[in-house]
PDB file of N, CA and C in Angstrom:
ATOM      1  N   MET A   1      -4.244 -14.690  30.779  1.00  0.00           N
ATOM      2  CA  MET A   1      -4.912 -15.290  29.688  1.00  0.00           C
ATOM      3  C   MET A   1      -4.814 -16.832  29.769  1.00  0.00           C
ATOM      4  N   ARG A   2      -3.633 -17.322  30.058  1.00  0.00           N
ATOM      5  CA  ARG A   2      -3.447 -18.807  30.174  1.00  0.00           C
ATOM      6  C   ARG A   2      -4.333 -19.363  31.315  1.00  0.00           C
ATOM      7  N   ARG A   3      -4.336 -18.635  32.431  1.00  0.00           N
ATOM      8  CA  ARG A   3      -5.139 -19.097  33.549  1.00  0.00           C
ATOM      9  C   ARG A   3      -6.578 -19.164  33.199  1.00  0.00           C
ATOM     10  N   PHE A   4      -7.051 -18.148  32.508  1.00  0.00           N
ATOM     11  CA  PHE A   4      -8.449 -18.091  32.063  1.00  0.00           C
ATOM     12  C   PHE A   4      -8.826 -19.239  31.153  1.00  0.00           C
ATOM     13  N   LEU A   5      -7.976 -19.518  30.191  1.00  0.00           N
ATOM     14  CA  LEU A   5      -8.210 -20.627  29.242  1.00  0.00           C
ATOM     15  C   LEU A   5      -8.130 -21.972  29.992  1.00  0.00           C
ATOM     16  N   ARG A   6      -7.185 -22.101  30.895  1.00  0.00           N
ATOM     17  CA  ARG A   6      -7.090 -23.358  31.630  1.00  0.00           C
ATOM     18  C   ARG A   6      -8.314 -23.625  32.437  1.00  0.00           C
ATOM     19  N   GLU A   7      -8.895 -22.597  33.031  1.00  0.00           N
ATOM     20  CA  GLU A   7     -10.118 -22.795  33.835  1.00  0.00           C
ATOM     21  C   GLU A   7     -11.297 -23.196  32.934  1.00  0.00           C
ATOM     22  N   ILE A   8     -11.394 -22.615  31.757  1.00  0.00           N
ATOM     23  CA  ILE A   8     -12.498 -22.976  30.842  1.00  0.00           C
ATOM     24  C   ILE A   8     -12.337 -24.457  30.463  1.00  0.00           C
ATOM     25  N   LEU A   9     -11.115 -24.857  30.122  1.00  0.00           N
ATOM     26  CA  LEU A   9     -10.909 -26.241  29.735  1.00  0.00           C
ATOM     27  C   LEU A   9     -11.173 -27.194  30.868  1.00  0.00           C
ATOM     28  N   LYS A  10     -10.813 -26.844  32.064  1.00  0.00           N
ATOM     29  CA  LYS A  10     -11.068 -27.708  33.241  1.00  0.00           C
ATOM     30  C   LYS A  10     -12.533 -27.922  33.445  1.00  0.00           C
ATOM     31  N   LYS A  11     -13.290 -26.840  33.237  1.00  0.00           N
ATOM     32  CA  LYS A  11     -14.755 -26.953  33.448  1.00  0.00           C
ATOM     33  C   LYS A  11     -15.432 -27.777  32.325  1.00  0.00           C
ATOM     34  N   GLN A  12     -14.917 -27.721  31.126  1.00  0.00           N
ATOM     35  CA  GLN A  12     -15.510 -28.354  29.998  1.00  0.00           C
ATOM     36  C   GLN A  12     -15.115 -29.807  29.814  1.00  0.00           C
ATOM     37  N   LEU A  13     -13.894 -30.166  30.211  1.00  0.00           N
ATOM     38  CA  LEU A  13     -13.377 -31.538  30.024  1.00  0.00           C
ATOM     39  C   LEU A  13     -13.374 -32.271  31.340  1.00  0.00           C
ATOM     40  N   SER A  14     -13.828 -33.510  31.289  1.00  0.00           N
ATOM     41  CA  SER A  14     -13.779 -34.286  32.541  1.00  0.00           C
ATOM     42  C   SER A  14     -12.366 -34.773  32.841  1.00  0.00           C
ATOM     43  N   ASN A  15     -12.099 -35.184  34.039  1.00  0.00           N
ATOM     44  CA  ASN A  15     -10.785 -35.650  34.428  1.00  0.00           C
ATOM     45  C   ASN A  15     -10.433 -36.955  33.747  1.00  0.00           C
ATOM     46  N   SER A  16     -11.422 -37.712  33.310  1.00  0.00           N
ATOM     47  CA  SER A  16     -11.125 -39.013  32.659  1.00  0.00           C
ATOM     48  C   SER A  16     -10.578 -38.872  31.240  1.00  0.00           C
ATOM     49  N   VAL A  17     -10.706 -37.656  30.691  1.00  0.00           N
ATOM     50  CA  VAL A  17     -10.209 -37.433  29.285  1.00  0.00           C
ATOM     51  C   VAL A  17      -8.719 -37.210  29.380  1.00  0.00           C
ATOM     52  N   SER A  18      -8.008 -38.047  28.604  1.00  0.00           N
ATOM     53  CA  SER A  18      -6.571 -37.915  28.586  1.00  0.00           C
ATOM     54  C   SER A  18      -6.094 -37.351  27.227  1.00  0.00           C
ATOM     55  N   LEU A  19      -6.156 -36.061  27.114  1.00  0.00           N
ATOM     56  CA  LEU A  19      -5.735 -35.370  25.926  1.00  0.00           C
ATOM     57  C   LEU A  19      -4.749 -34.292  26.275  1.00  0.00           C
ATOM     58  N   ASP A  20      -3.844 -34.073  25.424  1.00  0.00           N
ATOM     59  CA  ASP A  20      -2.967 -32.906  25.518  1.00  0.00           C
ATOM     60  C   ASP A  20      -3.473 -31.913  24.532  1.00  0.00           C
ATOM     61  N   ILE A  21      -3.823 -30.705  25.018  1.00  0.00           N
ATOM     62  CA  ILE A  21      -4.365 -29.644  24.154  1.00  0.00           C
ATOM     63  C   ILE A  21      -3.341 -28.526  24.144  1.00  0.00           C
ATOM     64  N   VAL A  22      -2.951 -28.075  22.932  1.00  0.00           N
ATOM     65  CA  VAL A  22      -2.063 -26.961  22.809  1.00  0.00           C
ATOM     66  C   VAL A  22      -2.867 -25.825  22.222  1.00  0.00           C
ATOM     67  N   ILE A  23      -2.836 -24.704  22.904  1.00  0.00           N
ATOM     68  CA  ILE A  23      -3.495 -23.495  22.428  1.00  0.00           C
ATOM     69  C   ILE A  23      -2.459 -22.403  22.225  1.00  0.00           C
ATOM     70  N   ARG A  24      -2.419 -21.943  21.042  1.00  0.00           N
ATOM     71  CA  ARG A  24      -1.456 -20.835  20.667  1.00  0.00           C
ATOM     72  C   ARG A  24      -2.260 -19.566  20.602  1.00  0.00           C
ATOM     73  N   ILE A  25      -1.831 -18.606  21.388  1.00  0.00           N
ATOM     74  CA  ILE A  25      -2.483 -17.302  21.437  1.00  0.00           C
ATOM     75  C   ILE A  25      -1.750 -16.404  20.453  1.00  0.00           C
ATOM     76  N   HIS A  26      -2.528 -15.780  19.558  1.00  0.00           N
ATOM     77  CA  HIS A  26      -1.937 -14.947  18.543  1.00  0.00           C
ATOM     78  C   HIS A  26      -2.045 -13.465  18.905  1.00  0.00           C
ATOM     79  N   LYS A  27      -2.989 -13.099  19.747  1.00  0.00           N
ATOM     80  CA  LYS A  27      -3.075 -11.714  20.186  1.00  0.00           C
ATOM     81  C   LYS A  27      -3.739 -11.640  21.527  1.00  0.00           C
ATOM     82  N   SER A  28      -3.559 -10.604  22.242  1.00  0.00           N
ATOM     83  CA  SER A  28      -4.142 -10.439  23.556  1.00  0.00           C
ATOM     84  C   SER A  28      -5.641 -10.064  23.417  1.00  0.00           C
ATOM     85  N   PHE A  29      -6.355 -10.187  24.480  1.00  0.00           N
ATOM     86  CA  PHE A  29      -7.787  -9.834  24.492  1.00  0.00           C
ATOM     87  C   PHE A  29      -8.124  -8.969  25.699  1.00  0.00           C
ATOM     88  N   TYR A  30      -9.211  -8.284  25.586  1.00  0.00           N
ATOM     89  CA  TYR A  30      -9.694  -7.423  26.657  1.00  0.00           C
ATOM     90  C   TYR A  30     -10.804  -8.121  27.448  1.00  0.00           C
ATOM     91  N   LYS A  31     -10.977  -7.646  28.646  1.00  0.00           N
ATOM     92  CA  LYS A  31     -11.965  -8.251  29.548  1.00  0.00           C
ATOM     93  C   LYS A  31     -13.360  -8.216  28.938  1.00  0.00           C
ATOM     94  N   ALA A  32     -13.653  -7.211  28.131  1.00  0.00           N
ATOM     95  CA  ALA A  32     -14.927  -7.094  27.498  1.00  0.00           C
ATOM     96  C   ALA A  32     -15.203  -8.261  26.533  1.00  0.00           C
ATOM     97  N   ASN A  33     -14.204  -8.916  26.053  1.00  0.00           N
ATOM     98  CA  ASN A  33     -14.306 -10.011  25.074  1.00  0.00           C
ATOM     99  C   ASN A  33     -14.309 -11.400  25.713  1.00  0.00           C
ATOM    100  N   ILE A  34     -14.208 -11.494  27.015  1.00  0.00           N
ATOM    101  CA  ILE A  34     -14.059 -12.774  27.666  1.00  0.00           C
ATOM    102  C   ILE A  34     -15.218 -13.709  27.353  1.00  0.00           C
ATOM    103  N   ARG A  35     -16.448 -13.248  27.378  1.00  0.00           N
ATOM    104  CA  ARG A  35     -17.620 -14.080  27.099  1.00  0.00           C
ATOM    105  C   ARG A  35     -17.534 -14.665  25.670  1.00  0.00           C
ATOM    106  N   GLN A  36     -17.181 -13.846  24.677  1.00  0.00           N
ATOM    107  CA  GLN A  36     -17.059 -14.273  23.327  1.00  0.00           C
ATOM    108  C   GLN A  36     -16.003 -15.382  23.175  1.00  0.00           C
ATOM    109  N   ILE A  37     -14.862 -15.190  23.846  1.00  0.00           N
ATOM    110  CA  ILE A  37     -13.807 -16.108  23.782  1.00  0.00           C
ATOM    111  C   ILE A  37     -14.200 -17.463  24.446  1.00  0.00           C
ATOM    112  N   GLU A  38     -14.911 -17.373  25.564  1.00  0.00           N
ATOM    113  CA  GLU A  38     -15.363 -18.581  26.262  1.00  0.00           C
ATOM    114  C   GLU A  38     -16.335 -19.387  25.364  1.00  0.00           C
ATOM    115  N   VAL A  39     -17.210 -18.710  24.671  1.00  0.00           N
ATOM    116  CA  VAL A  39     -18.143 -19.408  23.755  1.00  0.00           C
ATOM    117  C   VAL A  39     -17.330 -20.079  22.648  1.00  0.00           C
ATOM    118  N   GLU A  40     -16.363 -19.398  22.102  1.00  0.00           N
ATOM    119  CA  GLU A  40     -15.544 -19.963  21.004  1.00  0.00           C
ATOM    120  C   GLU A  40     -14.816 -21.182  21.461  1.00  0.00           C
ATOM    121  N   ILE A  41     -14.202 -21.116  22.640  1.00  0.00           N
ATOM    122  CA  ILE A  41     -13.474 -22.295  23.162  1.00  0.00           C
ATOM    123  C   ILE A  41     -14.424 -23.477  23.405  1.00  0.00           C
ATOM    124  N   LYS A  42     -15.609 -23.194  23.952  1.00  0.00           N
ATOM    125  CA  LYS A  42     -16.585 -24.265  24.170  1.00  0.00           C
ATOM    126  C   LYS A  42     -16.997 -24.917  22.857  1.00  0.00           C
ATOM    127  N   ASN A  43     -17.183 -24.145  21.848  1.00  0.00           N
ATOM    128  CA  ASN A  43     -17.566 -24.702  20.499  1.00  0.00           C
ATOM    129  C   ASN A  43     -16.427 -25.539  19.933  1.00  0.00           C
ATOM    130  N   LEU A  44     -15.238 -25.121  20.154  1.00  0.00           N
ATOM    131  CA  LEU A  44     -14.084 -25.922  19.644  1.00  0.00           C
ATOM    132  C   LEU A  44     -13.961 -27.222  20.379  1.00  0.00           C
ATOM    133  N   ILE A  45     -14.229 -27.210  21.705  1.00  0.00           N
ATOM    134  CA  ILE A  45     -14.171 -28.418  22.489  1.00  0.00           C
ATOM    135  C   ILE A  45     -15.246 -29.410  22.044  1.00  0.00           C
ATOM    136  N   LYS A  46     -16.440 -28.880  21.688  1.00  0.00           N
ATOM    137  CA  LYS A  46     -17.512 -29.766  21.220  1.00  0.00           C
ATOM    138  C   LYS A  46     -17.113 -30.520  19.947  1.00  0.00           C
ATOM    139  N   GLY A  47     -16.238 -29.967  19.157  1.00  0.00           N
ATOM    140  CA  GLY A  47     -15.776 -30.599  17.943  1.00  0.00           C
ATOM    141  C   GLY A  47     -14.707 -31.680  18.139  1.00  0.00           C
ATOM    142  N   LEU A  48     -14.197 -31.836  19.356  1.00  0.00           N
ATOM    143  CA  LEU A  48     -13.175 -32.853  19.620  1.00  0.00           C
ATOM    144  C   LEU A  48     -13.755 -34.252  19.641  1.00  0.00           C
ATOM    145  N   PRO A  49     -13.046 -35.229  19.150  1.00  0.00           N
ATOM    146  CA  PRO A  49     -13.540 -36.598  19.181  1.00  0.00           C
ATOM    147  C   PRO A  49     -13.335 -37.265  20.534  1.00  0.00           C
ATOM    148  N   ILE A  50     -14.138 -36.875  21.483  1.00  0.00           N
ATOM    149  CA  ILE A  50     -14.022 -37.410  22.875  1.00  0.00           C
ATOM    150  C   ILE A  50     -15.035 -38.463  23.119  1.00  0.00           C
TER     151      ILE A  50
END
């Protein structure tokens, strides 16, 4: 799960952005939900003041 989230963040944020992002996982997820989680993370990143 951490690896998956790290890859999404790497793709969405450029290397020039110097932010520390803490993601707390409250429950596990299944492979069938990966697309939904990816969309949610992307929407959260759009809301960051970058």
